[in-house]
Amino acid sequence: MALLEDGGSEACTIAAVCERAQVAPRALYARVDTKEALFLAVYEHGIARLLADQEAFADAGRWAGLAPADLVRAAVAQVTGIFLRHERFLRAVVLVSAAHAEVRRRGSDHGRLLGDLFASVVLRVSDAVRHDDPEAAVRSCFGTVFATSVIRVAYGPGSATPAPVGDDAVVADLGETAVRYLLAGTGD
């Protein structure tokens, strides 16, 4: 993981992994046949860490009793927090996905799963969502939060603004944007 996070997919070679792990190449070849298989194994290891982080969406107690605006802000913070906590891994993965069809496919699958988890939480307050189709609105909101998070981890905090914006400010701004879009600024 450190090789991928520090140097991208090109740094994740069998020789580099063997050197870092202080094992002979045959030990690694007993587990993977190619650099591609090694990279995908490292990718899945990183994704497993993200999936563990996403379990917060399944914790009903975490979301119970929250006012609609607070629930939306908390769900947005959970999504962006996952991206920020795994920024180094996700930067490498997002950047390689443009040229790597399998990583792009798997990443899309994981993104849809995260979207489903986000929607399952936010739709708990669907009666407060001020749109004809609350689910479509929540999915659209997730798309905005997801895309913003992807761009931020891939290109850095100053990539879309004249000056870099701190993580806390981005989380707060995305939360407020989501509340205003979904709840029409009611502050409920």
Protein backbone atom coordinates (compact mmCIF):
# COMPACT_ATOMS: atom_id res chain seq x y z
CA MET A 1 0.00 0.00 0.00
CA ALA A 2 2.78 2.44 0.87
CA LEU A 3 4.44 1.94 -2.51
CA LEU A 4 1.17 2.65 -4.31
CA GLU A 5 0.35 5.63 -2.11
CA ASP A 6 3.83 7.14 -2.40
CA GLY A 7 4.61 6.47 -6.05
CA GLY A 8 1.43 5.49 -7.84
CA SER A 9 0.88 2.30 -9.79
CA GLU A 10 4.27 2.50 -11.49
CA ALA A 11 6.03 2.18 -8.13
CA CYS A 12 4.08 -0.96 -7.28
CA THR A 13 6.41 -3.47 -8.95
CA ILE A 14 7.21 -6.98 -7.88
CA ALA A 15 10.85 -6.03 -7.29
CA ALA A 16 9.89 -3.01 -5.18
CA VAL A 17 7.41 -5.02 -3.12
CA CYS A 18 9.98 -7.76 -2.54
CA GLU A 19 12.56 -5.22 -1.44
CA ARG A 20 10.13 -3.41 0.85
CA ALA A 21 8.82 -6.65 2.39
CA GLN A 22 12.30 -8.18 2.50
CA VAL A 23 11.14 -11.36 0.79
CA ALA A 24 12.48 -13.27 -2.18
CA PRO A 25 10.57 -12.87 -5.46
CA ARG A 26 9.50 -16.52 -5.34
CA ALA A 27 7.53 -15.77 -2.16
CA LEU A 28 5.57 -13.11 -4.00
CA TYR A 29 5.15 -15.19 -7.16
CA ALA A 30 3.57 -17.89 -4.99
CA ARG A 31 0.71 -15.41 -4.46
CA VAL A 32 0.56 -13.44 -7.74
CA ASP A 33 1.66 -14.21 -11.28
CA THR A 34 2.06 -10.72 -12.73
CA LYS A 35 2.52 -7.07 -11.83
CA GLU A 36 -1.12 -6.61 -12.85
CA ALA A 37 -2.27 -9.25 -10.36
CA LEU A 38 -0.09 -7.65 -7.69
CA PHE A 39 -1.55 -4.22 -8.37
CA LEU A 40 -5.12 -5.54 -8.22
CA ALA A 41 -4.37 -7.36 -4.95
CA VAL A 42 -3.03 -4.12 -3.45
CA TYR A 43 -6.07 -2.29 -4.85
CA GLU A 44 -8.47 -4.74 -3.19
CA HIS A 45 -6.59 -4.43 0.10
CA GLY A 46 -7.05 -0.66 -0.03
CA ILE A 47 -10.70 -0.98 -0.99
CA ALA A 48 -11.27 -3.30 1.99
CA ARG A 49 -10.17 -0.43 4.26
CA LEU A 50 -12.67 1.88 2.58
CA LEU A 51 -15.46 -0.67 2.88
CA ALA A 52 -14.77 -0.97 6.61
CA ASP A 53 -15.05 2.82 6.85
CA GLN A 54 -18.40 2.71 5.01
CA GLU A 55 -19.90 0.48 7.70
CA ALA A 56 -20.82 3.67 9.55
CA PHE A 57 -23.76 3.99 7.17
CA ALA A 58 -25.18 0.71 8.53
CA ASP A 59 -25.09 1.94 12.15
CA ALA A 60 -28.74 2.90 12.66
CA GLY A 61 -28.00 4.49 16.02
CA ARG A 62 -25.63 6.97 14.44
CA TRP A 63 -28.44 8.43 12.32
CA ALA A 64 -31.38 8.04 14.70
CA GLY A 65 -33.01 11.16 16.06
CA LEU A 66 -31.14 13.61 13.85
CA ALA A 67 -33.06 16.51 12.38
CA PRO A 68 -33.15 16.30 8.56
CA ALA A 69 -30.51 18.99 8.01
CA ASP A 70 -28.20 17.45 10.60
CA LEU A 71 -28.64 14.00 9.07
CA VAL A 72 -27.82 15.30 5.57
CA ARG A 73 -24.75 17.15 6.85
CA ALA A 74 -23.59 14.05 8.76
CA ALA A 75 -24.04 11.79 5.72
CA VAL A 76 -22.10 14.23 3.53
CA ALA A 77 -19.37 14.44 6.17
CA GLN A 78 -19.16 10.64 6.26
CA VAL A 79 -18.69 10.42 2.47
CA THR A 80 -16.12 13.21 2.28
CA GLY A 81 -14.41 11.89 5.40
CA ILE A 82 -13.87 8.53 3.72
CA PHE A 83 -12.18 10.28 0.81
CA LEU A 84 -10.05 12.45 3.08
CA ARG A 85 -9.00 9.60 5.39
CA HIS A 86 -7.93 7.49 2.41
CA GLU A 87 -6.66 10.34 0.27
CA ARG A 88 -3.25 8.93 -0.63
CA PHE A 89 -4.66 5.58 -1.74
CA LEU A 90 -7.58 7.12 -3.61
CA ARG A 91 -5.34 9.64 -5.39
CA ALA A 92 -3.30 6.81 -6.87
CA VAL A 93 -6.38 4.79 -7.76
CA VAL A 94 -8.32 7.67 -9.32
CA LEU A 95 -5.37 8.73 -11.44
CA VAL A 96 -4.68 5.20 -12.72
CA SER A 97 -8.36 4.49 -13.41
CA ALA A 98 -8.33 6.70 -16.50
CA ALA A 99 -6.03 4.20 -18.22
CA HIS A 100 -6.94 1.00 -16.38
CA ALA A 101 -10.33 -0.42 -17.39
CA GLU A 102 -10.53 -2.96 -14.55
CA VAL A 103 -9.75 -0.38 -11.86
CA ARG A 104 -12.30 1.96 -13.45
CA ARG A 105 -14.93 -0.80 -13.46
CA ARG A 106 -14.26 -1.80 -9.86
CA GLY A 107 -14.12 1.82 -8.77
CA SER A 108 -17.48 2.49 -10.41
CA ASP A 109 -18.96 -0.50 -8.59
CA HIS A 110 -17.62 0.76 -5.26
CA GLY A 111 -18.86 4.27 -6.00
CA ARG A 112 -22.36 2.96 -6.68
CA LEU A 113 -22.25 1.01 -3.41
CA LEU A 114 -21.27 4.15 -1.51
CA GLY A 115 -24.08 6.01 -3.28
CA ASP A 116 -26.55 3.33 -2.21
CA LEU A 117 -25.37 3.60 1.40
CA PHE A 118 -25.61 7.39 1.34
CA ALA A 119 -29.10 7.23 -0.17
CA SER A 120 -30.28 4.66 2.37
CA VAL A 121 -29.37 7.05 5.18
CA VAL A 122 -30.55 10.32 3.65
CA LEU A 123 -33.83 8.83 2.45
CA ARG A 124 -34.73 8.25 6.11
CA VAL A 125 -35.84 11.89 5.95
CA SER A 126 -37.38 11.66 2.47
CA ASP A 127 -40.51 13.46 3.66
CA ALA A 128 -38.35 16.58 4.22
CA VAL A 129 -36.74 16.42 0.75
CA ARG A 130 -38.35 19.18 -1.32
CA HIS A 131 -38.32 17.46 -4.71
CA ASP A 132 -40.95 15.53 -6.64
CA ASP A 133 -38.61 12.53 -6.70
CA PRO A 134 -36.69 12.46 -3.40
CA GLU A 135 -34.58 9.46 -4.39
CA ALA A 136 -33.45 11.06 -7.65
CA ALA A 137 -32.59 14.26 -5.75
CA VAL A 138 -30.59 12.33 -3.14
CA ARG A 139 -28.72 10.43 -5.87
CA SER A 140 -27.95 13.70 -7.65
CA CYS A 141 -26.73 15.19 -4.38
CA PHE A 142 -24.48 12.19 -3.82
CA GLY A 143 -23.07 12.60 -7.33
CA THR A 144 -22.05 16.17 -6.51
CA VAL A 145 -20.44 15.18 -3.21
CA PHE A 146 -18.70 12.18 -4.81
CA ALA A 147 -17.37 14.14 -7.80
CA THR A 148 -16.12 16.96 -5.60
CA SER A 149 -14.38 14.46 -3.33
CA VAL A 150 -12.79 12.62 -6.27
CA ILE A 151 -11.44 15.84 -7.78
CA ARG A 152 -10.13 17.00 -4.41
CA VAL A 153 -8.19 13.82 -3.64
CA ALA A 154 -6.92 13.42 -7.20
CA TYR A 155 -5.74 16.97 -7.81
CA GLY A 156 -5.44 18.60 -4.40
CA PRO A 157 -7.25 21.22 -2.34
CA GLY A 158 -6.52 24.11 -4.72
CA SER A 159 -7.53 22.40 -7.94
CA ALA A 160 -10.97 23.94 -8.37
CA THR A 161 -10.67 27.16 -6.38
CA PRO A 162 -8.49 30.27 -6.66
CA ALA A 163 -6.89 29.38 -3.31
CA PRO A 164 -6.74 26.06 -1.44
CA VAL A 165 -9.69 25.42 0.87
CA GLY A 166 -9.18 23.45 4.08
CA ASP A 167 -10.76 20.05 4.59
CA ASP A 168 -13.14 21.23 7.33
CA ALA A 169 -14.38 24.09 5.15
CA VAL A 170 -14.97 21.74 2.20
CA VAL A 171 -16.94 19.32 4.38
CA ALA A 172 -19.02 22.17 5.83
CA ASP A 173 -19.63 23.75 2.43
CA LEU A 174 -20.67 20.46 0.83
CA GLY A 175 -22.96 19.74 3.75
CA GLU A 176 -24.60 23.14 3.45
CA THR A 177 -24.92 22.77 -0.33
CA ALA A 178 -26.63 19.40 0.16
CA VAL A 179 -29.01 20.79 2.78
CA ARG A 180 -29.99 23.71 0.58
CA TYR A 181 -30.49 21.50 -2.44
CA LEU A 182 -32.38 18.69 -0.73
CA LEU A 183 -34.28 20.61 1.90
CA ALA A 184 -34.63 23.89 0.01
CA GLY A 185 -32.67 25.73 2.71
CA THR A 186 -35.20 25.00 5.42
CA GLY A 187 -32.53 24.32 8.02
CA ASP A 188 -34.75 21.58 9.48
